[in-house]
């Protein structure tokens, strides 16, 4: 089962740490149990906090959809799109983009290798506060549910099997599998879980065997699955950022 994007987990855990007074090191340890080493660039988050930032947002841009990314220079946009995720300092107007790599002895594979995340900082436009405050996990679930129903009908009409059953089951997140901050409200957690489940199921369909009877049907199915994953990723961003706002302001969050 894949993990939530590292930036989603870090945004929630670091915001929680800033709210409760925990250290950055503790937050990163909680957020990234599957990462063996984290580069020193992550300490840019300490600088953000020293400069007055109280929340960390997330974006999950792709080459076909950069709507979750604040306006920024081409170099920053290209780096974020390549990583397909980044952290955002909404008040300061800054990004942190991760780069994943492996390390180990020459020729080492499997358990003999480790994973490392390095981080590069870029400038971007600030994110207006009202845009984050307007996010509602319930709306994210409603809109994604509507899309799932519509696209399921279209996939059924095409015929065949859009998902490899085994791959789809393995891709689906299991309840309670992700350790997220206790301050995260249940509605935000449900929205994050639902969006991640749809995204990973769509990815399983894209990566799995294709049984379309002809080229047009197969291409149409892939287009639908890409659209479904894109909508799910947007919902995941909105749910995660709504969760960040709720963690940062527990008394006033919905």
Protein backbone atom coordinates (compact mmCIF):
# COMPACT_ATOMS: atom_id res chain seq x y z
CA UNK A 1 0.00 0.00 0.00
CA UNK A 2 1.45 3.42 -0.93
CA UNK A 3 1.86 6.09 1.70
CA UNK A 4 0.30 9.49 1.60
CA UNK A 5 2.57 11.98 -0.21
CA UNK A 6 5.34 13.09 2.11
CA UNK A 7 4.30 16.74 1.76
CA UNK A 8 0.75 15.96 2.95
CA UNK A 9 2.06 14.25 6.06
CA UNK A 10 4.65 16.93 6.80
CA UNK A 11 2.15 19.80 6.37
CA UNK A 12 -0.16 18.24 8.95
CA UNK A 13 2.50 17.15 11.44
CA UNK A 14 4.56 20.35 11.30
CA UNK A 15 1.47 22.53 11.69
CA UNK A 16 0.51 20.37 14.66
CA UNK A 17 4.01 20.75 16.14
CA UNK A 18 3.89 24.52 15.76
CA UNK A 19 0.51 24.57 17.51
CA UNK A 20 1.50 22.31 20.41
CA UNK A 21 5.11 23.42 20.82
CA UNK A 22 6.73 20.17 19.69
CA UNK A 23 10.07 20.22 17.87
CA UNK A 24 10.51 20.02 14.12
CA UNK A 25 12.56 16.85 14.56
CA UNK A 26 9.67 15.16 16.37
CA UNK A 27 7.22 16.22 13.67
CA UNK A 28 9.43 14.92 10.86
CA UNK A 29 9.95 11.63 12.67
CA UNK A 30 6.19 11.22 12.99
CA UNK A 31 5.52 12.28 9.40
CA UNK A 32 8.21 10.24 7.65
CA UNK A 33 8.67 6.84 9.33
CA UNK A 34 9.34 5.33 5.90
CA UNK A 35 12.22 7.71 5.05
CA UNK A 36 15.72 6.86 6.26
CA UNK A 37 17.35 10.28 5.89
CA UNK A 38 16.06 13.84 5.48
CA UNK A 39 18.29 16.56 4.07
CA UNK A 40 19.13 19.72 6.01
CA UNK A 41 16.89 21.77 3.71
CA UNK A 42 13.93 20.69 5.82
CA UNK A 43 15.12 23.16 8.47
CA UNK A 44 13.83 25.92 6.20
CA UNK A 45 10.59 25.14 8.03
CA UNK A 46 12.18 26.48 11.23
CA UNK A 47 13.00 29.71 9.38
CA UNK A 48 9.41 29.96 8.14
CA UNK A 49 8.17 29.60 11.71
CA UNK A 50 10.66 32.16 13.04
CA UNK A 51 9.37 34.59 10.42
CA UNK A 52 5.82 34.19 11.67
CA UNK A 53 4.37 31.33 9.65
CA UNK A 54 1.85 29.26 11.60
CA UNK A 55 0.69 26.76 8.99
CA UNK A 56 2.25 24.71 6.21
CA UNK A 57 0.11 23.99 3.16
CA UNK A 58 0.59 21.38 0.46
CA UNK A 59 0.31 21.26 -3.34
CA UNK A 60 0.32 18.19 -5.60
CA UNK A 61 0.99 19.59 -9.08
CA UNK A 62 1.38 17.50 -12.22
CA UNK A 63 2.28 18.37 -15.79
CA UNK A 64 -1.43 18.36 -16.63
CA UNK A 65 -2.67 20.24 -13.57
CA UNK A 66 -0.82 22.92 -11.61
CA UNK A 67 -3.95 24.53 -10.12
CA UNK A 68 -2.92 23.71 -6.53
CA UNK A 69 0.39 25.53 -6.99
CA UNK A 70 0.66 29.26 -6.19
CA UNK A 71 2.03 31.48 -8.93
CA UNK A 72 5.81 31.10 -9.10
CA UNK A 73 8.75 31.26 -11.47
CA UNK A 74 9.18 28.59 -14.15
CA UNK A 75 12.10 26.95 -12.32
CA UNK A 76 10.04 26.46 -9.17
CA UNK A 77 7.02 25.23 -11.11
CA UNK A 78 9.07 22.72 -13.07
CA UNK A 79 10.70 21.37 -9.91
CA UNK A 80 7.35 21.00 -8.14
CA UNK A 81 5.77 19.31 -11.15
CA UNK A 82 8.67 16.87 -11.39
CA UNK A 83 8.32 16.03 -7.69
CA UNK A 84 4.49 16.06 -7.95
CA UNK A 85 4.34 17.62 -4.49
CA UNK A 86 5.63 20.51 -2.43
CA UNK A 87 5.16 22.43 0.83
CA UNK A 88 3.90 26.02 0.87
CA UNK A 89 4.44 28.87 3.32
CA UNK A 90 1.17 30.68 2.62
CA UNK A 91 1.94 33.95 4.40
CA UNK A 92 5.57 34.32 3.36
CA UNK A 93 5.15 33.11 -0.20
CA UNK A 94 7.67 30.27 -0.37
CA UNK A 95 7.89 26.65 -1.51
CA UNK A 96 9.88 23.62 -0.39
CA UNK A 97 10.19 20.96 -3.09
CA UNK A 98 11.37 17.44 -2.22
CA UNK A 99 13.75 15.23 -4.18
CA UNK A 100 13.64 11.51 -3.41
CA UNK A 101 16.80 9.42 -3.82
CA UNK A 102 18.24 6.11 -2.64
CA UNK A 103 21.60 5.40 -1.06
CA UNK A 104 23.67 2.40 -0.11
CA UNK A 105 26.73 0.43 -1.07
CA UNK A 106 27.46 0.09 -4.81
CA UNK A 107 25.18 -2.54 -6.28
CA UNK A 108 23.03 -2.76 -3.14
CA UNK A 109 19.31 -3.42 -3.58
CA UNK A 110 16.21 -3.95 -1.46
CA UNK A 111 16.74 -3.76 2.32
CA UNK A 112 20.42 -2.88 1.81
CA UNK A 113 19.46 0.55 0.45
CA UNK A 114 17.93 3.57 2.14
CA UNK A 115 15.66 6.38 1.00
CA UNK A 116 16.48 10.07 1.39
CA UNK A 117 14.45 13.25 0.95
CA UNK A 118 16.25 16.49 0.15
CA UNK A 119 14.50 19.84 -0.03
CA UNK A 120 14.99 22.93 -2.20
CA UNK A 121 13.44 26.33 -1.42
CA UNK A 122 11.81 28.61 -3.98
CA UNK A 123 9.76 31.81 -3.90
CA UNK A 124 6.08 31.97 -4.82
CA UNK A 125 3.09 34.25 -4.34
CA UNK A 126 1.44 34.19 -0.90
CA UNK A 127 -1.80 32.23 -0.56
CA UNK A 128 -4.75 34.40 0.56
CA UNK A 129 -6.04 33.39 3.98
CA UNK A 130 -9.67 33.43 2.88
CA UNK A 131 -8.96 30.80 0.24
CA UNK A 132 -7.81 28.31 2.86
CA UNK A 133 -10.53 29.24 5.34
CA UNK A 134 -13.18 28.54 2.67
CA UNK A 135 -12.08 24.90 2.24
CA UNK A 136 -14.59 22.35 3.54
CA UNK A 137 -13.77 18.61 3.71
CA UNK A 138 -17.45 17.80 3.34
CA UNK A 139 -17.53 19.63 0.01
CA UNK A 140 -14.40 17.79 -1.12
CA UNK A 141 -16.09 14.46 -0.41
CA UNK A 142 -19.32 15.53 -2.12
CA UNK A 143 -17.63 16.74 -5.31
CA UNK A 144 -15.35 13.72 -5.54
CA UNK A 145 -18.26 11.34 -4.94
CA UNK A 146 -20.16 12.96 -7.81
CA UNK A 147 -17.14 12.59 -10.09
CA UNK A 148 -16.62 8.95 -9.08
CA UNK A 149 -20.24 8.10 -9.89
CA UNK A 150 -20.12 9.89 -13.24
CA UNK A 151 -16.83 8.35 -14.33
CA UNK A 152 -17.82 4.89 -13.11
CA UNK A 153 -20.85 5.04 -15.40
CA UNK A 154 -18.63 6.06 -18.31
CA UNK A 155 -16.09 3.31 -17.57
CA UNK A 156 -18.89 0.72 -17.31
CA UNK A 157 -20.24 1.86 -20.68
CA UNK A 158 -16.86 1.21 -22.27
CA UNK A 159 -16.93 -2.41 -21.04
CA UNK A 160 -14.00 -4.55 -19.98
CA UNK A 161 -12.18 -4.30 -16.66
CA UNK A 162 -10.67 -0.86 -15.90
CA UNK A 163 -8.84 -2.07 -12.79
CA UNK A 164 -6.60 -5.00 -12.09
CA UNK A 165 -8.38 -6.32 -8.98
CA UNK A 166 -5.27 -7.39 -7.07
CA UNK A 167 -3.39 -4.16 -7.80
CA UNK A 168 -6.39 -2.04 -6.88
CA UNK A 169 -6.85 -3.82 -3.55
CA UNK A 170 -3.17 -3.47 -2.72
CA UNK A 171 -3.27 0.22 -3.61
CA UNK A 172 -6.23 1.03 -1.38
CA UNK A 173 -5.36 2.56 2.01
CA UNK A 174 -6.41 0.53 5.04
CA UNK A 175 -8.34 2.28 7.84
CA UNK A 176 -5.93 3.53 10.48
CA UNK A 177 -2.88 2.74 8.34
CA UNK A 178 -1.63 6.34 8.41
CA UNK A 179 -0.45 7.90 11.66
CA UNK A 180 -1.73 11.48 11.47
CA UNK A 181 -1.99 14.10 14.22
CA UNK A 182 -4.62 13.51 16.88
CA UNK A 183 -5.80 17.09 16.40
CA UNK A 184 -6.97 16.30 12.86
CA UNK A 185 -10.80 16.35 12.88
CA UNK A 186 -12.61 13.20 11.77
CA UNK A 187 -14.24 14.90 8.78
CA UNK A 188 -10.87 16.00 7.40
CA UNK A 189 -9.40 12.55 8.01
CA UNK A 190 -12.30 10.90 6.16
CA UNK A 191 -11.90 13.30 3.23
CA UNK A 192 -8.15 12.67 3.05
CA UNK A 193 -8.65 8.90 3.21
CA UNK A 194 -11.40 8.92 0.58
CA UNK A 195 -9.44 11.10 -1.84
CA UNK A 196 -6.28 9.03 -1.39
CA UNK A 197 -8.26 5.82 -1.95
CA UNK A 198 -9.72 7.05 -5.23
CA UNK A 199 -6.36 8.39 -6.41
CA UNK A 200 -4.54 5.14 -5.72
CA UNK A 201 -7.32 3.04 -7.28
CA UNK A 202 -7.19 5.19 -10.43
CA UNK A 203 -3.41 4.84 -10.50
CA UNK A 204 -3.79 1.06 -10.27
CA UNK A 205 -6.05 1.19 -13.30
CA UNK A 206 -3.56 3.29 -15.23
CA UNK A 207 -0.64 1.03 -14.35
CA UNK A 208 -2.45 -2.30 -14.64
CA UNK A 209 -3.09 -4.51 -17.69
CA UNK A 210 -5.23 -2.98 -20.41
CA UNK A 211 -7.93 -5.18 -21.96
CA UNK A 212 -9.67 -2.70 -24.26
CA UNK A 213 -11.13 -4.33 -27.39
CA UNK A 214 -9.64 -1.60 -29.59
CA UNK A 215 -7.26 1.33 -29.43
CA UNK A 216 -9.96 3.98 -29.10
CA UNK A 217 -11.64 2.24 -26.15
CA UNK A 218 -8.34 1.71 -24.39
CA UNK A 219 -7.30 5.35 -24.85
CA UNK A 220 -10.71 6.61 -23.70
CA UNK A 221 -10.46 4.48 -20.56
CA UNK A 222 -6.97 5.83 -19.80
CA UNK A 223 -8.21 9.40 -20.28
CA UNK A 224 -11.07 8.81 -17.84
CA UNK A 225 -8.78 7.26 -15.26
CA UNK A 226 -6.33 10.17 -15.59
CA UNK A 227 -9.19 12.63 -15.11
CA UNK A 228 -10.42 10.68 -12.10
CA UNK A 229 -6.98 10.68 -10.51
CA UNK A 230 -6.59 14.39 -11.20
CA UNK A 231 -9.89 15.20 -9.48
CA UNK A 232 -8.97 12.93 -6.56
CA UNK A 233 -5.60 14.66 -6.17
CA UNK A 234 -7.31 18.06 -6.12
CA UNK A 235 -9.68 16.77 -3.44
CA UNK A 236 -6.72 15.42 -1.46
CA UNK A 237 -5.01 18.82 -1.56
CA UNK A 238 -8.17 20.62 -0.43
CA UNK A 239 -8.86 18.08 2.33
CA UNK A 240 -5.27 18.20 3.57
CA UNK A 241 -5.16 22.00 3.61
CA UNK A 242 -8.55 22.13 5.35
CA UNK A 243 -7.06 19.71 7.87
CA UNK A 244 -4.04 21.98 8.32
CA UNK A 245 -6.35 24.93 9.05
CA UNK A 246 -8.32 22.83 11.55
CA UNK A 247 -5.17 21.65 13.31
CA UNK A 248 -3.86 25.21 13.54
CA UNK A 249 -7.18 26.62 14.83
CA UNK A 250 -8.90 23.77 16.69
CA UNK A 251 -11.39 25.98 18.50
CA UNK A 252 -12.79 27.64 15.40
CA UNK A 253 -12.50 24.86 12.81
CA UNK A 254 -15.55 23.04 11.49
